[in-house]
C-alpha cells in the first residue's frame, strides 16, 4: 500500500476549511427543540427477521414512534429526547401447503440526541430498549398431524441513526438506520 504524506500546504487548506465550516454548522437552526412532540410513521426495508427459502412476507414491517424533547443546550445546540416505539411485521413459511404464520411485535422506549448540521435537516442518534413478542401458528396438514402454535418473547436493544427533512414547520420525511423491526425505516413525521 502506497500512502502519500500530507504536505503542509494540504494540512493548512484542510484546517482553513474546518475553521470556516464551524461557524456555518453553528448557524443552523434546530428542527427539534425542548418540548417538541413528534409522531413518526415508518415502513421498514431489509427486515431483521426470516429470510431464506419458503419464506414470504405477510404484513410489511411498520412502526410508529412518539418522541419529545426533554433537554436542550447540550453541546451548545444539541437536544435530548425520549422516544416510545411500536413495530409490527408478519411472515409466512410455506412448504408445499404446510407451514407457519409468524407475527412479530416490538415495543419499547429509549433516548435520542439531536444536533443540527444543515438547514431543515434534523439529524439524530439514539438507543432503544424494548421487548419482542413472537407468535407462530401452524397451517395446512403435516404428515404428523399436529396443530402447533406458540409464542415467545425477549428483550431487544437497538442503536440507530437517522435524519428528518422538514418540508414545513410541522411535516418531515425521515430515514432511520438501525436494528429493530427493520434495518432501514423510511417514513413521515408530524410535529404536534
C-alpha atoms as a PDB file:
ATOM      1  CA  UNK A   1       0.000   0.000   0.000  1.00  0.00           C
ATOM      2  CA  UNK A   2       1.375   3.400  -1.010  1.00  0.00           C
ATOM      3  CA  UNK A   3       0.448   6.228   1.354  1.00  0.00           C
ATOM      4  CA  UNK A   4       1.485   9.751   0.451  1.00  0.00           C
ATOM      5  CA  UNK A   5       2.358  12.055   3.335  1.00  0.00           C
ATOM      6  CA  UNK A   6       0.174  15.115   3.855  1.00  0.00           C
ATOM      7  CA  UNK A   7       2.063  18.237   2.882  1.00  0.00           C
ATOM      8  CA  UNK A   8       1.960  21.396   4.973  1.00  0.00           C
ATOM      9  CA  UNK A   9       0.035  23.121   2.178  1.00  0.00           C
ATOM     10  CA  UNK A  10      -2.711  20.454   2.249  1.00  0.00           C
ATOM     11  CA  UNK A  11      -2.831  20.489   6.053  1.00  0.00           C
ATOM     12  CA  UNK A  12      -3.199  24.275   6.070  1.00  0.00           C
ATOM     13  CA  UNK A  13      -6.009  24.123   3.465  1.00  0.00           C
ATOM     14  CA  UNK A  14      -7.861  21.427   5.453  1.00  0.00           C
ATOM     15  CA  UNK A  15      -7.513  23.471   8.635  1.00  0.00           C
ATOM     16  CA  UNK A  16      -8.946  26.562   6.914  1.00  0.00           C
ATOM     17  CA  UNK A  17     -11.903  24.582   5.551  1.00  0.00           C
ATOM     18  CA  UNK A  18     -12.587  23.142   9.008  1.00  0.00           C
ATOM     19  CA  UNK A  19     -12.368  26.547  10.712  1.00  0.00           C
ATOM     20  CA  UNK A  20     -14.732  28.173   8.208  1.00  0.00           C
ATOM     21  CA  UNK A  21     -17.165  25.230   8.451  1.00  0.00           C
ATOM     22  CA  UNK A  22     -17.630  25.526  12.231  1.00  0.00           C
ATOM     23  CA  UNK A  23     -19.491  28.874  12.115  1.00  0.00           C
ATOM     24  CA  UNK A  24     -21.733  27.542   9.327  1.00  0.00           C
ATOM     25  CA  UNK A  25     -22.609  24.476  11.411  1.00  0.00           C
ATOM     26  CA  UNK A  26     -23.348  26.616  14.453  1.00  0.00           C
ATOM     27  CA  UNK A  27     -25.610  28.903  12.418  1.00  0.00           C
ATOM     28  CA  UNK A  28     -28.021  26.056  11.594  1.00  0.00           C
ATOM     29  CA  UNK A  29     -31.496  26.211  13.112  1.00  0.00           C
ATOM     30  CA  UNK A  30     -32.631  23.357  15.372  1.00  0.00           C
ATOM     31  CA  UNK A  31     -35.561  21.489  13.863  1.00  0.00           C
ATOM     32  CA  UNK A  32     -36.148  19.555  17.120  1.00  0.00           C
ATOM     33  CA  UNK A  33     -36.306  21.566  20.344  1.00  0.00           C
ATOM     34  CA  UNK A  34     -37.121  21.303  24.018  1.00  0.00           C
ATOM     35  CA  UNK A  35     -40.820  20.482  24.399  1.00  0.00           C
ATOM     36  CA  UNK A  36     -41.337  19.434  20.761  1.00  0.00           C
ATOM     37  CA  UNK A  37     -43.606  16.418  20.284  1.00  0.00           C
ATOM     38  CA  UNK A  38     -43.148  14.364  17.109  1.00  0.00           C
ATOM     39  CA  UNK A  39     -45.074  11.329  15.820  1.00  0.00           C
ATOM     40  CA  UNK A  40     -43.343   9.256  13.122  1.00  0.00           C
ATOM     41  CA  UNK A  41     -44.933   6.579  10.922  1.00  0.00           C
ATOM     42  CA  UNK A  42     -42.472   4.260   9.189  1.00  0.00           C
ATOM     43  CA  UNK A  43     -42.254   1.454   6.658  1.00  0.00           C
ATOM     44  CA  UNK A  44     -39.314  -0.914   7.036  1.00  0.00           C
ATOM     45  CA  UNK A  45     -36.976  -2.202   4.353  1.00  0.00           C
ATOM     46  CA  UNK A  46     -34.465  -5.000   4.901  1.00  0.00           C
ATOM     47  CA  UNK A  47     -36.032  -6.943   7.725  1.00  0.00           C
ATOM     48  CA  UNK A  48     -34.077  -8.364  10.627  1.00  0.00           C
ATOM     49  CA  UNK A  49     -36.343 -11.420  10.601  1.00  0.00           C
ATOM     50  CA  UNK A  50     -36.990 -14.519   8.488  1.00  0.00           C
ATOM     51  CA  UNK A  51     -35.138 -14.964   5.276  1.00  0.00           C
ATOM     52  CA  UNK A  52     -34.401 -17.902   3.050  1.00  0.00           C
ATOM     53  CA  UNK A  53     -36.292 -20.448   1.012  1.00  0.00           C
ATOM     54  CA  UNK A  54     -40.033 -20.855   1.524  1.00  0.00           C
ATOM     55  CA  UNK A  55     -40.433 -17.597   3.490  1.00  0.00           C
ATOM     56  CA  UNK A  56     -42.698 -14.836   2.237  1.00  0.00           C
ATOM     57  CA  UNK A  57     -43.704 -11.560   3.786  1.00  0.00           C
ATOM     58  CA  UNK A  58     -47.191 -11.228   5.145  1.00  0.00           C
ATOM     59  CA  UNK A  59     -47.610  -7.733   6.571  1.00  0.00           C
ATOM     60  CA  UNK A  60     -44.661  -5.397   5.852  1.00  0.00           C
ATOM     61  CA  UNK A  61     -42.596  -4.010   8.743  1.00  0.00           C
ATOM     62  CA  UNK A  62     -44.398  -0.903  10.036  1.00  0.00           C
ATOM     63  CA  UNK A  63     -43.675   1.269  13.048  1.00  0.00           C
ATOM     64  CA  UNK A  64     -44.970   4.231  14.979  1.00  0.00           C
ATOM     65  CA  UNK A  65     -42.852   6.313  17.332  1.00  0.00           C
ATOM     66  CA  UNK A  66     -43.597   9.211  19.641  1.00  0.00           C
ATOM     67  CA  UNK A  67     -40.740  11.492  20.675  1.00  0.00           C
ATOM     68  CA  UNK A  68     -40.499  14.514  22.946  1.00  0.00           C
ATOM     69  CA  UNK A  69     -37.616  16.934  23.511  1.00  0.00           C
ATOM     70  CA  UNK A  70     -36.664  16.979  27.217  1.00  0.00           C
ATOM     71  CA  UNK A  71     -33.277  18.772  27.458  1.00  0.00           C
ATOM     72  CA  UNK A  72     -31.732  21.437  25.254  1.00  0.00           C
ATOM     73  CA  UNK A  73     -28.398  23.271  25.071  1.00  0.00           C
ATOM     74  CA  UNK A  74     -26.421  20.023  25.153  1.00  0.00           C
ATOM     75  CA  UNK A  75     -23.067  20.680  23.447  1.00  0.00           C
ATOM     76  CA  UNK A  76     -24.416  24.171  22.694  1.00  0.00           C
ATOM     77  CA  UNK A  77     -27.146  23.271  20.152  1.00  0.00           C
ATOM     78  CA  UNK A  78     -27.959  19.633  20.885  1.00  0.00           C
ATOM     79  CA  UNK A  79     -31.296  18.377  22.204  1.00  0.00           C
ATOM     80  CA  UNK A  80     -32.029  15.168  24.119  1.00  0.00           C
ATOM     81  CA  UNK A  81     -35.352  13.436  23.507  1.00  0.00           C
ATOM     82  CA  UNK A  82     -37.219  10.443  24.863  1.00  0.00           C
ATOM     83  CA  UNK A  83     -38.996   8.083  22.490  1.00  0.00           C
ATOM     84  CA  UNK A  84     -41.679   5.406  22.638  1.00  0.00           C
ATOM     85  CA  UNK A  85     -41.740   2.803  19.843  1.00  0.00           C
ATOM     86  CA  UNK A  86     -44.114   0.152  18.481  1.00  0.00           C
ATOM     87  CA  UNK A  87     -43.332  -2.027  15.454  1.00  0.00           C
ATOM     88  CA  UNK A  88     -45.125  -4.927  13.738  1.00  0.00           C
ATOM     89  CA  UNK A  89     -44.474  -7.356  10.897  1.00  0.00           C
ATOM     90  CA  UNK A  90     -45.604 -10.836   9.846  1.00  0.00           C
ATOM     91  CA  UNK A  91     -44.133 -13.614   7.740  1.00  0.00           C
ATOM     92  CA  UNK A  92     -45.134 -16.975   6.419  1.00  0.00           C
ATOM     93  CA  UNK A  93     -43.128 -20.177   5.983  1.00  0.00           C
ATOM     94  CA  UNK A  94     -44.875 -22.324   3.342  1.00  0.00           C
ATOM     95  CA  UNK A  95     -43.573 -25.709   2.197  1.00  0.00           C
ATOM     96  CA  UNK A  96     -45.974 -27.449  -0.185  1.00  0.00           C
ATOM     97  CA  UNK A  97     -49.077 -26.083   1.528  1.00  0.00           C
ATOM     98  CA  UNK A  98     -47.902 -26.632   5.084  1.00  0.00           C
ATOM     99  CA  UNK A  99     -46.040 -24.225   7.324  1.00  0.00           C
ATOM    100  CA  UNK A 100     -46.205 -21.463   9.897  1.00  0.00           C
ATOM    101  CA  UNK A 101     -47.504 -17.930  10.073  1.00  0.00           C
ATOM    102  CA  UNK A 102     -45.314 -15.705  12.254  1.00  0.00           C
ATOM    103  CA  UNK A 103     -46.139 -12.340  13.742  1.00  0.00           C
ATOM    104  CA  UNK A 104     -43.694 -10.032  15.499  1.00  0.00           C
ATOM    105  CA  UNK A 105     -44.332  -7.070  17.743  1.00  0.00           C
ATOM    106  CA  UNK A 106     -41.627  -4.869  19.252  1.00  0.00           C
ATOM    107  CA  UNK A 107     -42.435  -2.182  21.797  1.00  0.00           C
ATOM    108  CA  UNK A 108     -40.062  -0.130  23.874  1.00  0.00           C
ATOM    109  CA  UNK A 109     -38.593   3.197  24.815  1.00  0.00           C
ATOM    110  CA  UNK A 110     -35.307   4.990  24.613  1.00  0.00           C
ATOM    111  CA  UNK A 111     -33.426   8.207  24.154  1.00  0.00           C
ATOM    112  CA  UNK A 112     -32.211  10.334  21.262  1.00  0.00           C
ATOM    113  CA  UNK A 113     -29.632  13.040  20.747  1.00  0.00           C
ATOM    114  CA  UNK A 114     -30.335  15.632  18.023  1.00  0.00           C
ATOM    115  CA  UNK A 115     -27.750  18.013  16.612  1.00  0.00           C
ATOM    116  CA  UNK A 116     -28.325  20.374  13.650  1.00  0.00           C
ATOM    117  CA  UNK A 117     -25.899  20.225  10.729  1.00  0.00           C
ATOM    118  CA  UNK A 118     -27.941  21.532   7.757  1.00  0.00           C
ATOM    119  CA  UNK A 119     -30.975  23.791   7.379  1.00  0.00           C
ATOM    120  CA  UNK A 120     -34.305  21.926   7.581  1.00  0.00           C
ATOM    121  CA  UNK A 121     -32.489  18.675   8.482  1.00  0.00           C
ATOM    122  CA  UNK A 122     -32.889  17.129  11.930  1.00  0.00           C
ATOM    123  CA  UNK A 123     -30.057  14.626  12.433  1.00  0.00           C
ATOM    124  CA  UNK A 124     -30.068  12.289  15.412  1.00  0.00           C
ATOM    125  CA  UNK A 125     -28.713   9.139  17.031  1.00  0.00           C
ATOM    126  CA  UNK A 126     -30.331   7.055  19.726  1.00  0.00           C
ATOM    127  CA  UNK A 127     -30.797   3.854  21.660  1.00  0.00           C
ATOM    128  CA  UNK A 128     -33.898   1.750  22.223  1.00  0.00           C
ATOM    129  CA  UNK A 129     -34.610  -0.898  24.843  1.00  0.00           C
ATOM    130  CA  UNK A 130     -37.666  -2.954  24.093  1.00  0.00           C
ATOM    131  CA  UNK A 131     -39.445  -6.265  24.219  1.00  0.00           C
ATOM    132  CA  UNK A 132     -40.215  -8.518  21.239  1.00  0.00           C
ATOM    133  CA  UNK A 133     -43.251 -10.815  21.165  1.00  0.00           C
ATOM    134  CA  UNK A 134     -43.195 -13.551  18.528  1.00  0.00           C
ATOM    135  CA  UNK A 135     -46.065 -15.908  17.803  1.00  0.00           C
ATOM    136  CA  UNK A 136     -46.229 -18.817  15.371  1.00  0.00           C
ATOM    137  CA  UNK A 137     -49.293 -20.713  14.127  1.00  0.00           C
ATOM    138  CA  UNK A 138     -49.210 -23.842  12.000  1.00  0.00           C
ATOM    139  CA  UNK A 139     -51.375 -24.082   8.877  1.00  0.00           C
ATOM    140  CA  UNK A 140     -52.043 -26.814   6.330  1.00  0.00           C
ATOM    141  CA  UNK A 141     -51.650 -30.512   7.054  1.00  0.00           C
ATOM    142  CA  UNK A 142     -48.378 -32.072   8.086  1.00  0.00           C
ATOM    143  CA  UNK A 143     -47.591 -35.755   7.895  1.00  0.00           C
ATOM    144  CA  UNK A 144     -47.588 -35.890  11.715  1.00  0.00           C
ATOM    145  CA  UNK A 145     -50.946 -34.118  12.065  1.00  0.00           C
ATOM    146  CA  UNK A 146     -50.007 -31.662  14.779  1.00  0.00           C
ATOM    147  CA  UNK A 147     -51.748 -28.351  15.164  1.00  0.00           C
ATOM    148  CA  UNK A 148     -48.918 -26.306  16.589  1.00  0.00           C
ATOM    149  CA  UNK A 149     -48.916 -22.748  17.871  1.00  0.00           C
ATOM    150  CA  UNK A 150     -46.516 -20.998  20.206  1.00  0.00           C
ATOM    151  CA  UNK A 151     -45.388 -17.600  21.371  1.00  0.00           C
ATOM    152  CA  UNK A 152     -42.251 -16.298  23.000  1.00  0.00           C
ATOM    153  CA  UNK A 153     -40.593 -13.038  23.807  1.00  0.00           C
ATOM    154  CA  UNK A 154     -37.370 -11.416  24.793  1.00  0.00           C
ATOM    155  CA  UNK A 155     -35.626  -8.121  25.346  1.00  0.00           C
ATOM    156  CA  UNK A 156     -34.109  -6.270  22.393  1.00  0.00           C
ATOM    157  CA  UNK A 157     -31.580  -3.457  22.342  1.00  0.00           C
ATOM    158  CA  UNK A 158     -31.002  -1.195  19.365  1.00  0.00           C
ATOM    159  CA  UNK A 159     -28.745   1.647  18.390  1.00  0.00           C
ATOM    160  CA  UNK A 160     -29.843   3.798  15.475  1.00  0.00           C
ATOM    161  CA  UNK A 161     -29.067   6.930  13.464  1.00  0.00           C
ATOM    162  CA  UNK A 162     -31.444   8.949  11.374  1.00  0.00           C
ATOM    163  CA  UNK A 163     -32.447  12.213   9.774  1.00  0.00           C
ATOM    164  CA  UNK A 164     -35.683  14.093   9.195  1.00  0.00           C
ATOM    165  CA  UNK A 165     -36.020  16.619   6.391  1.00  0.00           C
ATOM    166  CA  UNK A 166     -38.685  19.225   7.208  1.00  0.00           C
ATOM    167  CA  UNK A 167     -40.756  20.397   4.243  1.00  0.00           C
ATOM    168  CA  UNK A 168     -42.668  22.716   6.592  1.00  0.00           C
ATOM    169  CA  UNK A 169     -42.547  23.551  10.301  1.00  0.00           C
ATOM    170  CA  UNK A 170     -44.690  20.501  11.143  1.00  0.00           C
ATOM    171  CA  UNK A 171     -44.106  17.908   8.383  1.00  0.00           C
ATOM    172  CA  UNK A 172     -40.969  15.903   7.577  1.00  0.00           C
ATOM    173  CA  UNK A 173     -39.801  12.802   5.737  1.00  0.00           C
ATOM    174  CA  UNK A 174     -37.326  10.601   7.604  1.00  0.00           C
ATOM    175  CA  UNK A 175     -34.859   7.762   7.128  1.00  0.00           C
ATOM    176  CA  UNK A 176     -33.527   5.746  10.049  1.00  0.00           C
ATOM    177  CA  UNK A 177     -30.884   3.037  10.070  1.00  0.00           C
ATOM    178  CA  UNK A 178     -30.602   0.533  12.928  1.00  0.00           C
ATOM    179  CA  UNK A 179     -31.765  -2.767  14.331  1.00  0.00           C
ATOM    180  CA  UNK A 180     -35.466  -3.044  15.155  1.00  0.00           C
ATOM    181  CA  UNK A 181     -38.439  -4.243  13.142  1.00  0.00           C
ATOM    182  CA  UNK A 182     -36.273  -3.459  10.062  1.00  0.00           C
ATOM    183  CA  UNK A 183     -32.716  -2.369   9.286  1.00  0.00           C
ATOM    184  CA  UNK A 184     -33.867   0.696   7.342  1.00  0.00           C
ATOM    185  CA  UNK A 185     -37.087   2.590   8.041  1.00  0.00           C
ATOM    186  CA  UNK A 186     -38.486   5.294   5.770  1.00  0.00           C
ATOM    187  CA  UNK A 187     -41.494   7.390   6.627  1.00  0.00           C
ATOM    188  CA  UNK A 188     -43.087  10.664   7.622  1.00  0.00           C
ATOM    189  CA  UNK A 189     -43.014  12.683  10.844  1.00  0.00           C
ATOM    190  CA  UNK A 190     -45.555  15.157  12.193  1.00  0.00           C
ATOM    191  CA  UNK A 191     -44.663  17.759  14.801  1.00  0.00           C
ATOM    192  CA  UNK A 192     -47.636  18.244  17.141  1.00  0.00           C
END
